[in-house]
Amino acid sequence: MSNLTYVVTPEGGAAEDAVILRRPPTGAVLATAHDMAREHRVISALVPTPVPVPRTLHLCTDTSVLGAPFYVMERVVGLHVIDRIPDGYADEPARRRAIGEGLVDVLADLHSVDPVAVGLGDFGRPEGFMARQVRRWTQQWEATRDRERPGLDALAARLAETVPTTQRHGIVHGDFRLDNCLLDPEVPGRVRAVLDWEMSTLGDPLADLGMLHVYWPQAGERSVAGQSTVTALEGFPTRAEVAARYGERSGLDLSDLSWYVGFAYFKFAAIVAGIVARSAAGAMAGKDTAGYADRIDPCVERGRAALDDGAI
């Protein structure tokens, strides 16, 4: 479950006085998965960098106030693109290309930030990050296994045997995609804010690029992971163009990118398999999980293709 986000307007205040409050979900949650102080810390550290983030205003760890820790940040006015682009915003292909290129540039800028220089040198354990990620999501899948899925098992084994060497440690967002950003309402290529930092850590930057590829369907493709198909519109860069621009801006060698794409599809398949298992056990009451099971095998196939053929 994601952290909860509220727009808070002071009593008697105007809309422009509103701020954003973030807190953990209600009910039983894992403190490590919904650490408000950690999320507040990474956003605060990035404020003076080229990475666009909201300015943090206050962190409250006193649970007697709202029943859980929370933090407050400024409200950034921006366009939140999920399933469609509003009419009149980016009607021309060149403006849609600008949106895609702007996202890639922000991701490369994030990965260029020196964690030590911004006070995040102890924000994670970057050594062995990808090997731990493969183990973590393999264990997640095994813990929620509801049926035999030999393709998923085989993909996990191949990933574990072929983990590439990390070129550079950096700040990893963990869920970087179009709908976790706010776009400038007037300038499509400008990102006003990157949101949802709850999965951020120190690790291998290419993990973010691999996951971005999962969330980047291109023309003629169906959405195998249930993601938005906005990036399939004419003008958006292809995944190959995304990779080329990122590589040029970050300076990282992308010869192993297909492994990271394969891992991203594996991770997504493991997450969805867990949702399907919990739904079957009656633990997802009120959540629409129809069709989730149909996403697993296509994700496994995309992951296998990435490892076999270098398909990104």
C-alpha atoms as a PDB file:
ATOM      1  CA  MET A   1       0.000   0.000   0.000  1.00  0.00           C
ATOM      2  CA  SER A   2       1.158   3.495  -0.791  1.00  0.00           C
ATOM      3  CA  ASN A   3       1.487   6.304   1.693  1.00  0.00           C
ATOM      4  CA  LEU A   4      -1.532   8.582   1.918  1.00  0.00           C
ATOM      5  CA  THR A   5      -1.457  12.110   0.513  1.00  0.00           C
ATOM      6  CA  TYR A   6      -3.744  14.939   1.605  1.00  0.00           C
ATOM      7  CA  VAL A   7      -4.209  18.515   0.445  1.00  0.00           C
ATOM      8  CA  VAL A   8      -4.535  20.662   3.578  1.00  0.00           C
ATOM      9  CA  THR A   9      -5.845  24.222   3.446  1.00  0.00           C
ATOM     10  CA  PRO A  10      -5.495  26.378   6.578  1.00  0.00           C
ATOM     11  CA  GLU A  11      -8.805  27.438   8.092  1.00  0.00           C
ATOM     12  CA  GLY A  12      -9.841  30.613   6.338  1.00  0.00           C
ATOM     13  CA  GLY A  13      -6.947  30.285   3.894  1.00  0.00           C
ATOM     14  CA  ALA A  14      -7.059  30.467   0.118  1.00  0.00           C
ATOM     15  CA  ALA A  15      -6.309  27.640  -2.301  1.00  0.00           C
ATOM     16  CA  GLU A  16      -2.791  28.957  -2.838  1.00  0.00           C
ATOM     17  CA  ASP A  17      -2.136  28.532   0.902  1.00  0.00           C
ATOM     18  CA  ALA A  18      -2.676  24.768   0.715  1.00  0.00           C
ATOM     19  CA  VAL A  19       0.105  22.349   1.658  1.00  0.00           C
ATOM     20  CA  ILE A  20       0.541  18.604   1.202  1.00  0.00           C
ATOM     21  CA  LEU A  21       0.515  16.152   4.115  1.00  0.00           C
ATOM     22  CA  ARG A  22       1.912  12.618   3.755  1.00  0.00           C
ATOM     23  CA  ARG A  23       1.324   9.829   6.262  1.00  0.00           C
ATOM     24  CA  PRO A  24       1.378   5.999   6.275  1.00  0.00           C
ATOM     25  CA  PRO A  25      -1.724   4.007   5.330  1.00  0.00           C
ATOM     26  CA  THR A  26      -4.199   3.300   8.106  1.00  0.00           C
ATOM     27  CA  GLY A  27      -4.219  -0.101   9.775  1.00  0.00           C
ATOM     28  CA  ALA A  28      -1.301  -2.446  10.333  1.00  0.00           C
ATOM     29  CA  VAL A  29       1.717  -1.441   8.240  1.00  0.00           C
ATOM     30  CA  LEU A  30       5.421  -2.195   8.171  1.00  0.00           C
ATOM     31  CA  ALA A  31       7.270   0.749   9.672  1.00  0.00           C
ATOM     32  CA  THR A  32      10.231   0.158   7.366  1.00  0.00           C
ATOM     33  CA  ALA A  33       7.961   0.325   4.305  1.00  0.00           C
ATOM     34  CA  HIS A  34       6.281   3.557   5.389  1.00  0.00           C
ATOM     35  CA  ASP A  35       9.058   5.487   7.103  1.00  0.00           C
ATOM     36  CA  MET A  36       7.973   9.121   6.996  1.00  0.00           C
ATOM     37  CA  ALA A  37      11.251  10.420   8.396  1.00  0.00           C
ATOM     38  CA  ARG A  38      13.146   8.616   5.647  1.00  0.00           C
ATOM     39  CA  GLU A  39      10.923   9.990   2.885  1.00  0.00           C
ATOM     40  CA  HIS A  40      11.146  13.484   4.387  1.00  0.00           C
ATOM     41  CA  ARG A  41      14.915  13.156   4.580  1.00  0.00           C
ATOM     42  CA  VAL A  42      15.533  12.284   0.933  1.00  0.00           C
ATOM     43  CA  ILE A  43      13.233  15.005  -0.384  1.00  0.00           C
ATOM     44  CA  SER A  44      14.813  17.604   1.913  1.00  0.00           C
ATOM     45  CA  ALA A  45      18.295  16.576   0.775  1.00  0.00           C
ATOM     46  CA  LEU A  46      17.376  16.977  -2.890  1.00  0.00           C
ATOM     47  CA  VAL A  47      15.847  20.460  -2.600  1.00  0.00           C
ATOM     48  CA  PRO A  48      19.138  22.277  -3.432  1.00  0.00           C
ATOM     49  CA  THR A  49      19.974  19.914  -6.320  1.00  0.00           C
ATOM     50  CA  PRO A  50      18.809  20.032  -9.958  1.00  0.00           C
ATOM     51  CA  VAL A  51      16.220  17.342  -9.138  1.00  0.00           C
ATOM     52  CA  PRO A  52      12.782  19.018  -8.869  1.00  0.00           C
ATOM     53  CA  VAL A  53      11.110  18.134  -5.573  1.00  0.00           C
ATOM     54  CA  PRO A  54       8.644  19.929  -3.287  1.00  0.00           C
ATOM     55  CA  ARG A  55      10.130  21.965  -0.443  1.00  0.00           C
ATOM     56  CA  THR A  56       9.602  20.161   2.856  1.00  0.00           C
ATOM     57  CA  LEU A  57       8.084  22.199   5.698  1.00  0.00           C
ATOM     58  CA  HIS A  58       7.791  19.995   8.779  1.00  0.00           C
ATOM     59  CA  LEU A  59       8.265  16.438  10.045  1.00  0.00           C
ATOM     60  CA  CYS A  60       6.181  15.262  13.006  1.00  0.00           C
ATOM     61  CA  THR A  61       7.101  11.988  14.707  1.00  0.00           C
ATOM     62  CA  ASP A  62       4.669  12.479  17.610  1.00  0.00           C
ATOM     63  CA  THR A  63       2.036   9.817  16.923  1.00  0.00           C
ATOM     64  CA  SER A  64      -0.416  11.440  19.343  1.00  0.00           C
ATOM     65  CA  VAL A  65      -1.136  14.141  16.739  1.00  0.00           C
ATOM     66  CA  LEU A  66      -2.517  12.040  13.865  1.00  0.00           C
ATOM     67  CA  GLY A  67      -1.956   8.503  15.089  1.00  0.00           C
ATOM     68  CA  ALA A  68       1.154   8.107  12.933  1.00  0.00           C
ATOM     69  CA  PRO A  69       4.241  10.099  11.928  1.00  0.00           C
ATOM     70  CA  PHE A  70       3.698  12.513   9.048  1.00  0.00           C
ATOM     71  CA  TYR A  71       5.380  15.317   7.187  1.00  0.00           C
ATOM     72  CA  VAL A  72       4.222  18.447   5.408  1.00  0.00           C
ATOM     73  CA  MET A  73       5.580  19.897   2.181  1.00  0.00           C
ATOM     74  CA  GLU A  74       4.709  22.678  -0.184  1.00  0.00           C
ATOM     75  CA  ARG A  75       2.035  22.079  -2.788  1.00  0.00           C
ATOM     76  CA  VAL A  76       3.523  22.161  -6.277  1.00  0.00           C
ATOM     77  CA  VAL A  77       1.162  23.231  -9.035  1.00  0.00           C
ATOM     78  CA  GLY A  78       1.621  20.843 -11.927  1.00  0.00           C
ATOM     79  CA  LEU A  79      -0.063  18.527 -14.377  1.00  0.00           C
ATOM     80  CA  HIS A  80      -0.465  14.899 -13.295  1.00  0.00           C
ATOM     81  CA  VAL A  81      -0.615  12.716 -16.408  1.00  0.00           C
ATOM     82  CA  ILE A  82      -1.923   9.213 -15.791  1.00  0.00           C
ATOM     83  CA  ASP A  83      -4.079   7.681 -18.550  1.00  0.00           C
ATOM     84  CA  ARG A  84      -4.341  10.565 -20.971  1.00  0.00           C
ATOM     85  CA  ILE A  85      -2.829  13.923 -21.858  1.00  0.00           C
ATOM     86  CA  PRO A  86      -5.330  16.787 -21.500  1.00  0.00           C
ATOM     87  CA  ASP A  87      -6.522  18.291 -24.766  1.00  0.00           C
ATOM     88  CA  GLY A  88      -4.490  21.303 -25.790  1.00  0.00           C
ATOM     89  CA  TYR A  89      -1.498  20.488 -23.605  1.00  0.00           C
ATOM     90  CA  ALA A  90       0.727  18.434 -25.892  1.00  0.00           C
ATOM     91  CA  ASP A  91      -1.228  17.984 -29.098  1.00  0.00           C
ATOM     92  CA  GLU A  92       1.845  18.113 -31.332  1.00  0.00           C
ATOM     93  CA  PRO A  93       4.346  15.224 -31.501  1.00  0.00           C
ATOM     94  CA  ALA A  94       7.229  17.606 -30.730  1.00  0.00           C
ATOM     95  CA  ARG A  95       5.643  18.572 -27.415  1.00  0.00           C
ATOM     96  CA  ARG A  96       5.078  14.926 -26.500  1.00  0.00           C
ATOM     97  CA  ARG A  97       8.703  14.192 -27.312  1.00  0.00           C
ATOM     98  CA  ALA A  98       9.669  17.030 -24.978  1.00  0.00           C
ATOM     99  CA  ILE A  99       7.730  15.359 -22.144  1.00  0.00           C
ATOM    100  CA  GLY A 100       9.624  12.112 -22.624  1.00  0.00           C
ATOM    101  CA  GLU A 101      13.002  13.774 -22.912  1.00  0.00           C
ATOM    102  CA  GLY A 102      12.326  15.900 -19.841  1.00  0.00           C
ATOM    103  CA  LEU A 103      11.589  12.793 -17.762  1.00  0.00           C
ATOM    104  CA  VAL A 104      14.780  11.101 -18.907  1.00  0.00           C
ATOM    105  CA  ASP A 105      16.855  14.184 -18.129  1.00  0.00           C
ATOM    106  CA  VAL A 106      15.474  14.402 -14.588  1.00  0.00           C
ATOM    107  CA  LEU A 107      16.239  10.728 -13.975  1.00  0.00           C
ATOM    108  CA  ALA A 108      19.811  11.204 -15.188  1.00  0.00           C
ATOM    109  CA  ASP A 109      20.140  14.307 -13.008  1.00  0.00           C
ATOM    110  CA  LEU A 110      18.992  12.315  -9.965  1.00  0.00           C
ATOM    111  CA  HIS A 111      21.554   9.626 -10.635  1.00  0.00           C
ATOM    112  CA  SER A 112      24.290  12.239 -10.973  1.00  0.00           C
ATOM    113  CA  VAL A 113      23.733  13.553  -7.440  1.00  0.00           C
ATOM    114  CA  ASP A 114      26.536  12.580  -5.041  1.00  0.00           C
ATOM    115  CA  PRO A 115      24.737  11.032  -2.030  1.00  0.00           C
ATOM    116  CA  VAL A 116      27.542  11.988   0.352  1.00  0.00           C
ATOM    117  CA  ALA A 117      27.509  15.617  -0.786  1.00  0.00           C
ATOM    118  CA  VAL A 118      23.802  15.977   0.087  1.00  0.00           C
ATOM    119  CA  GLY A 119      24.012  14.128   3.406  1.00  0.00           C
ATOM    120  CA  LEU A 120      22.660  10.788   2.189  1.00  0.00           C
ATOM    121  CA  GLY A 121      25.839   8.749   2.412  1.00  0.00           C
ATOM    122  CA  ASP A 122      24.202   6.356   4.887  1.00  0.00           C
ATOM    123  CA  PHE A 123      20.795   6.226   3.177  1.00  0.00           C
ATOM    124  CA  GLY A 124      21.230   2.623   2.045  1.00  0.00           C
ATOM    125  CA  ARG A 125      23.636  -0.243   1.408  1.00  0.00           C
ATOM    126  CA  PRO A 126      24.627   0.108  -2.234  1.00  0.00           C
ATOM    127  CA  GLU A 127      27.175  -2.717  -2.239  1.00  0.00           C
ATOM    128  CA  GLY A 128      25.535  -5.865  -3.605  1.00  0.00           C
ATOM    129  CA  PHE A 129      22.275  -3.985  -4.230  1.00  0.00           C
ATOM    130  CA  MET A 130      21.104  -5.845  -7.339  1.00  0.00           C
ATOM    131  CA  ALA A 131      21.946  -9.296  -5.970  1.00  0.00           C
ATOM    132  CA  ARG A 132      19.898  -8.484  -2.854  1.00  0.00           C
ATOM    133  CA  GLN A 133      17.048  -7.211  -5.010  1.00  0.00           C
ATOM    134  CA  VAL A 134      16.921 -10.468  -6.956  1.00  0.00           C
ATOM    135  CA  ARG A 135      16.907 -12.447  -3.682  1.00  0.00           C
ATOM    136  CA  ARG A 136      14.280 -10.199  -2.131  1.00  0.00           C
ATOM    137  CA  TRP A 137      11.778 -10.515  -4.963  1.00  0.00           C
ATOM    138  CA  THR A 138      12.473 -14.216  -5.406  1.00  0.00           C
ATOM    139  CA  GLN A 139      11.666 -14.713  -1.717  1.00  0.00           C
ATOM    140  CA  GLN A 140       8.574 -12.519  -2.109  1.00  0.00           C
ATOM    141  CA  TRP A 141       7.361 -14.725  -4.949  1.00  0.00           C
ATOM    142  CA  GLU A 142       8.115 -17.935  -3.045  1.00  0.00           C
ATOM    143  CA  ALA A 143       6.292 -16.665   0.037  1.00  0.00           C
ATOM    144  CA  THR A 144       3.097 -15.964  -1.918  1.00  0.00           C
ATOM    145  CA  ARG A 145       3.300 -18.832  -4.442  1.00  0.00           C
ATOM    146  CA  ASP A 146      -0.265 -19.913  -5.216  1.00  0.00           C
ATOM    147  CA  ARG A 147       0.569 -22.264  -8.096  1.00  0.00           C
ATOM    148  CA  GLU A 148       3.540 -23.473 -10.078  1.00  0.00           C
ATOM    149  CA  ARG A 149       4.937 -20.883 -12.479  1.00  0.00           C
ATOM    150  CA  PRO A 150       8.058 -22.481 -13.990  1.00  0.00           C
ATOM    151  CA  GLY A 151       8.698 -19.485 -16.236  1.00  0.00           C
ATOM    152  CA  LEU A 152       8.895 -17.155 -13.249  1.00  0.00           C
ATOM    153  CA  ASP A 153      11.177 -19.577 -11.404  1.00  0.00           C
ATOM    154  CA  ALA A 154      13.458 -19.876 -14.427  1.00  0.00           C
ATOM    155  CA  LEU A 155      13.642 -16.106 -14.834  1.00  0.00           C
ATOM    156  CA  ALA A 156      14.577 -15.688 -11.162  1.00  0.00           C
ATOM    157  CA  ALA A 157      17.330 -18.287 -11.467  1.00  0.00           C
ATOM    158  CA  ARG A 158      18.803 -16.708 -14.600  1.00  0.00           C
ATOM    159  CA  LEU A 159      18.831 -13.259 -13.049  1.00  0.00           C
ATOM    160  CA  ALA A 160      20.579 -14.570  -9.928  1.00  0.00           C
ATOM    161  CA  GLU A 161      23.281 -16.201 -12.038  1.00  0.00           C
ATOM    162  CA  THR A 162      24.005 -13.167 -14.214  1.00  0.00           C
ATOM    163  CA  VAL A 163      23.942 -10.087 -11.949  1.00  0.00           C
ATOM    164  CA  PRO A 164      26.048  -7.381 -13.653  1.00  0.00           C
ATOM    165  CA  THR A 165      28.670  -5.303 -11.891  1.00  0.00           C
ATOM    166  CA  THR A 166      27.333  -1.947 -10.718  1.00  0.00           C
ATOM    167  CA  GLN A 167      29.148   0.916 -12.424  1.00  0.00           C
ATOM    168  CA  ARG A 168      28.195   3.673 -10.012  1.00  0.00           C
ATOM    169  CA  HIS A 169      26.270   3.843  -6.777  1.00  0.00           C
ATOM    170  CA  GLY A 170      23.650   6.537  -6.520  1.00  0.00           C
ATOM    171  CA  ILE A 171      20.245   7.586  -5.246  1.00  0.00           C
ATOM    172  CA  VAL A 172      17.587   5.250  -6.625  1.00  0.00           C
ATOM    173  CA  HIS A 173      13.985   6.485  -6.687  1.00  0.00           C
ATOM    174  CA  GLY A 174      12.532   2.991  -6.846  1.00  0.00           C
ATOM    175  CA  ASP A 175       9.376   3.806  -8.838  1.00  0.00           C
ATOM    176  CA  PHE A 176      10.278   6.514 -11.344  1.00  0.00           C
ATOM    177  CA  ARG A 177       7.652   6.934 -14.067  1.00  0.00           C
ATOM    178  CA  LEU A 178       5.487   9.542 -15.761  1.00  0.00           C
ATOM    179  CA  ASP A 179       2.622   9.395 -13.274  1.00  0.00           C
ATOM    180  CA  ASN A 180       4.977   9.915 -10.337  1.00  0.00           C
ATOM    181  CA  CYS A 181       5.920  13.330 -11.695  1.00  0.00           C
ATOM    182  CA  LEU A 182       4.168  16.682 -12.017  1.00  0.00           C
ATOM    183  CA  LEU A 183       4.661  18.479 -15.328  1.00  0.00           C
ATOM    184  CA  ASP A 184       4.806  22.216 -15.864  1.00  0.00           C
ATOM    185  CA  PRO A 185       1.307  23.275 -17.054  1.00  0.00           C
ATOM    186  CA  GLU A 186       2.826  25.648 -19.609  1.00  0.00           C
ATOM    187  CA  VAL A 187       6.027  23.852 -20.658  1.00  0.00           C
ATOM    188  CA  PRO A 188       5.513  20.114 -21.389  1.00  0.00           C
ATOM    189  CA  GLY A 189       9.231  19.305 -21.280  1.00  0.00           C
ATOM    190  CA  ARG A 190       9.716  20.677 -17.769  1.00  0.00           C
ATOM    191  CA  VAL A 191       9.153  18.470 -14.717  1.00  0.00           C
ATOM    192  CA  ARG A 192       7.939  20.548 -11.773  1.00  0.00           C
ATOM    193  CA  ALA A 193       8.281  17.812  -9.135  1.00  0.00           C
ATOM    194  CA  VAL A 194       9.179  14.153  -8.699  1.00  0.00           C
ATOM    195  CA  LEU A 195       6.843  12.517  -6.173  1.00  0.00           C
ATOM    196  CA  ASP A 196       6.451   9.274  -4.174  1.00  0.00           C
ATOM    197  CA  TRP A 197       9.909   8.663  -2.736  1.00  0.00           C
ATOM    198  CA  GLU A 198       8.838   5.893  -0.349  1.00  0.00           C
ATOM    199  CA  MET A 199      10.955   3.245  -2.142  1.00  0.00           C
ATOM    200  CA  SER A 200      14.080   5.379  -2.519  1.00  0.00           C
ATOM    201  CA  THR A 201      17.473   4.127  -1.371  1.00  0.00           C
ATOM    202  CA  LEU A 202      21.108   3.938  -2.431  1.00  0.00           C
ATOM    203  CA  GLY A 203      21.856   1.392  -5.111  1.00  0.00           C
ATOM    204  CA  ASP A 204      22.343   0.824  -8.813  1.00  0.00           C
ATOM    205  CA  PRO A 205      20.851   3.677 -10.880  1.00  0.00           C
ATOM    206  CA  LEU A 206      20.138   1.369 -13.810  1.00  0.00           C
ATOM    207  CA  ALA A 207      17.439  -0.315 -11.709  1.00  0.00           C
ATOM    208  CA  ASP A 208      15.392   2.864 -12.183  1.00  0.00           C
ATOM    209  CA  LEU A 209      16.007   2.917 -15.927  1.00  0.00           C
ATOM    210  CA  GLY A 210      15.015  -0.735 -16.237  1.00  0.00           C
ATOM    211  CA  MET A 211      11.733  -0.124 -14.411  1.00  0.00           C
ATOM    212  CA  LEU A 212      11.049   2.992 -16.486  1.00  0.00           C
ATOM    213  CA  HIS A 213      11.212   0.753 -19.564  1.00  0.00           C
ATOM    214  CA  VAL A 214       8.471  -1.468 -18.112  1.00  0.00           C
ATOM    215  CA  TYR A 215       6.278   1.616 -17.751  1.00  0.00           C
ATOM    216  CA  TRP A 216       7.067   2.854 -21.280  1.00  0.00           C
ATOM    217  CA  PRO A 217       4.880   1.077 -23.877  1.00  0.00           C
ATOM    218  CA  GLN A 218       5.623   2.255 -27.398  1.00  0.00           C
ATOM    219  CA  ALA A 219       3.560   2.450 -30.579  1.00  0.00           C
ATOM    220  CA  GLY A 220       1.838  -0.820 -31.474  1.00  0.00           C
ATOM    221  CA  GLU A 221       2.325  -2.439 -28.066  1.00  0.00           C
ATOM    222  CA  ARG A 222      -0.316  -3.444 -25.586  1.00  0.00           C
ATOM    223  CA  SER A 223       0.128  -2.760 -21.907  1.00  0.00           C
ATOM    224  CA  VAL A 224       1.371  -6.049 -20.448  1.00  0.00           C
ATOM    225  CA  ALA A 225       1.874  -4.637 -16.957  1.00  0.00           C
ATOM    226  CA  GLY A 226      -1.369  -2.675 -16.727  1.00  0.00           C
ATOM    227  CA  GLN A 227       0.518   0.573 -17.125  1.00  0.00           C
ATOM    228  CA  SER A 228      -0.588   3.723 -18.934  1.00  0.00           C
ATOM    229  CA  THR A 229      -0.141   3.692 -22.708  1.00  0.00           C
ATOM    230  CA  VAL A 230       0.406   7.458 -22.982  1.00  0.00           C
ATOM    231  CA  THR A 231       4.009   6.917 -24.081  1.00  0.00           C
ATOM    232  CA  ALA A 232       2.757   4.976 -27.124  1.00  0.00           C
ATOM    233  CA  LEU A 233       1.395   8.212 -28.607  1.00  0.00           C
ATOM    234  CA  GLU A 234       3.149   9.653 -31.637  1.00  0.00           C
ATOM    235  CA  GLY A 235       6.091  11.824 -30.666  1.00  0.00           C
ATOM    236  CA  PHE A 236       7.152  10.113 -27.450  1.00  0.00           C
ATOM    237  CA  PRO A 237      10.675   8.706 -27.669  1.00  0.00           C
ATOM    238  CA  THR A 238      10.988   4.965 -28.142  1.00  0.00           C
ATOM    239  CA  ARG A 239      12.583   2.956 -25.352  1.00  0.00           C
ATOM    240  CA  ALA A 240      15.776   2.769 -27.398  1.00  0.00           C
ATOM    241  CA  GLU A 241      15.767   6.560 -27.671  1.00  0.00           C
ATOM    242  CA  VAL A 242      15.105   6.854 -23.937  1.00  0.00           C
ATOM    243  CA  ALA A 243      18.111   4.654 -23.241  1.00  0.00           C
ATOM    244  CA  ALA A 244      20.334   6.551 -25.677  1.00  0.00           C
ATOM    245  CA  ARG A 245      19.451   9.920 -24.155  1.00  0.00           C
ATOM    246  CA  TYR A 246      19.928   8.621 -20.613  1.00  0.00           C
ATOM    247  CA  GLY A 247      23.280   7.093 -21.502  1.00  0.00           C
ATOM    248  CA  GLU A 248      24.503  10.307 -23.079  1.00  0.00           C
ATOM    249  CA  ARG A 249      23.409  12.425 -20.133  1.00  0.00           C
ATOM    250  CA  SER A 250      24.517  10.061 -17.352  1.00  0.00           C
ATOM    251  CA  GLY A 251      27.705   8.768 -18.920  1.00  0.00           C
ATOM    252  CA  LEU A 252      26.847   5.206 -17.875  1.00  0.00           C
ATOM    253  CA  ASP A 253      27.534   2.203 -20.098  1.00  0.00           C
ATOM    254  CA  LEU A 254      24.201   0.621 -21.049  1.00  0.00           C
ATOM    255  CA  SER A 255      25.528  -2.606 -22.544  1.00  0.00           C
ATOM    256  CA  ASP A 256      23.864  -4.573 -19.694  1.00  0.00           C
ATOM    257  CA  LEU A 257      20.582  -2.634 -19.774  1.00  0.00           C
ATOM    258  CA  SER A 258      18.635  -5.658 -21.005  1.00  0.00           C
ATOM    259  CA  TRP A 259      19.457  -7.438 -17.706  1.00  0.00           C
ATOM    260  CA  TYR A 260      17.954  -4.554 -15.729  1.00  0.00           C
ATOM    261  CA  VAL A 261      14.869  -4.603 -17.957  1.00  0.00           C
ATOM    262  CA  GLY A 262      14.573  -8.353 -17.407  1.00  0.00           C
ATOM    263  CA  PHE A 263      14.841  -7.823 -13.653  1.00  0.00           C
ATOM    264  CA  ALA A 264      12.199  -5.074 -13.744  1.00  0.00           C
ATOM    265  CA  TYR A 265       9.709  -7.376 -15.472  1.00  0.00           C
ATOM    266  CA  PHE A 266      10.534 -10.119 -12.962  1.00  0.00           C
ATOM    267  CA  LYS A 267       9.981  -7.747 -10.045  1.00  0.00           C
ATOM    268  CA  PHE A 268       6.673  -6.591 -11.498  1.00  0.00           C
ATOM    269  CA  ALA A 269       5.555 -10.190 -12.074  1.00  0.00           C
ATOM    270  CA  ALA A 270       6.478 -11.109  -8.478  1.00  0.00           C
ATOM    271  CA  ILE A 271       4.511  -8.145  -7.134  1.00  0.00           C
ATOM    272  CA  VAL A 272       1.452  -9.029  -9.209  1.00  0.00           C
ATOM    273  CA  ALA A 273       1.683 -12.709  -8.233  1.00  0.00           C
ATOM    274  CA  GLY A 274       1.612 -11.620  -4.598  1.00  0.00           C
ATOM    275  CA  ILE A 275      -1.471  -9.483  -5.203  1.00  0.00           C
ATOM    276  CA  VAL A 276      -3.219 -12.391  -6.939  1.00  0.00           C
ATOM    277  CA  ALA A 277      -2.404 -14.756  -4.069  1.00  0.00           C
ATOM    278  CA  ARG A 278      -3.613 -12.302  -1.418  1.00  0.00           C
ATOM    279  CA  SER A 279      -6.777 -11.652  -3.399  1.00  0.00           C
ATOM    280  CA  ALA A 280      -7.500 -15.384  -3.623  1.00  0.00           C
ATOM    281  CA  ALA A 281      -7.027 -15.619   0.149  1.00  0.00           C
ATOM    282  CA  GLY A 282      -9.555 -12.830   0.696  1.00  0.00           C
ATOM    283  CA  ALA A 283      -6.966 -10.325   1.896  1.00  0.00           C
ATOM    284  CA  MET A 284      -7.675  -7.717  -0.795  1.00  0.00           C
ATOM    285  CA  ALA A 285     -11.267  -6.868   0.067  1.00  0.00           C
ATOM    286  CA  GLY A 286     -12.425  -3.736  -1.694  1.00  0.00           C
ATOM    287  CA  LYS A 287      -9.570  -3.837  -4.218  1.00  0.00           C
ATOM    288  CA  ASP A 288     -10.298  -4.482  -7.897  1.00  0.00           C
ATOM    289  CA  THR A 289      -7.795  -7.181  -8.868  1.00  0.00           C
ATOM    290  CA  ALA A 290      -9.670  -8.540 -11.888  1.00  0.00           C
ATOM    291  CA  GLY A 291      -7.277  -9.382 -14.686  1.00  0.00           C
ATOM    292  CA  TYR A 292      -4.151  -9.192 -12.542  1.00  0.00           C
ATOM    293  CA  ALA A 293      -3.328 -12.877 -13.044  1.00  0.00           C
ATOM    294  CA  ASP A 294      -3.296 -12.330 -16.809  1.00  0.00           C
ATOM    295  CA  ARG A 295      -0.368  -9.906 -16.445  1.00  0.00           C
ATOM    296  CA  ILE A 296       2.095 -12.365 -14.934  1.00  0.00           C
ATOM    297  CA  ASP A 297       2.980 -14.571 -17.909  1.00  0.00           C
ATOM    298  CA  PRO A 298       3.371 -11.657 -20.379  1.00  0.00           C
ATOM    299  CA  CYS A 299       5.751  -9.961 -17.929  1.00  0.00           C
ATOM    300  CA  VAL A 300       7.742 -13.173 -17.557  1.00  0.00           C
ATOM    301  CA  GLU A 301       7.927 -13.479 -21.343  1.00  0.00           C
ATOM    302  CA  ARG A 302       9.125  -9.876 -21.698  1.00  0.00           C
ATOM    303  CA  GLY A 303      11.743 -10.515 -19.023  1.00  0.00           C
ATOM    304  CA  ARG A 304      12.909 -13.687 -20.753  1.00  0.00           C
ATOM    305  CA  ALA A 305      13.100 -11.868 -24.099  1.00  0.00           C
ATOM    306  CA  ALA A 306      15.242  -9.166 -22.519  1.00  0.00           C
ATOM    307  CA  LEU A 307      17.753 -11.748 -21.298  1.00  0.00           C
ATOM    308  CA  ASP A 308      17.644 -13.931 -24.424  1.00  0.00           C
ATOM    309  CA  ASP A 309      17.534 -11.330 -27.167  1.00  0.00           C
ATOM    310  CA  GLY A 310      18.577  -8.091 -25.493  1.00  0.00           C
ATOM    311  CA  ALA A 311      15.049  -6.768 -26.075  1.00  0.00           C
ATOM    312  CA  ILE A 312      14.344  -3.534 -24.251  1.00  0.00           C
END
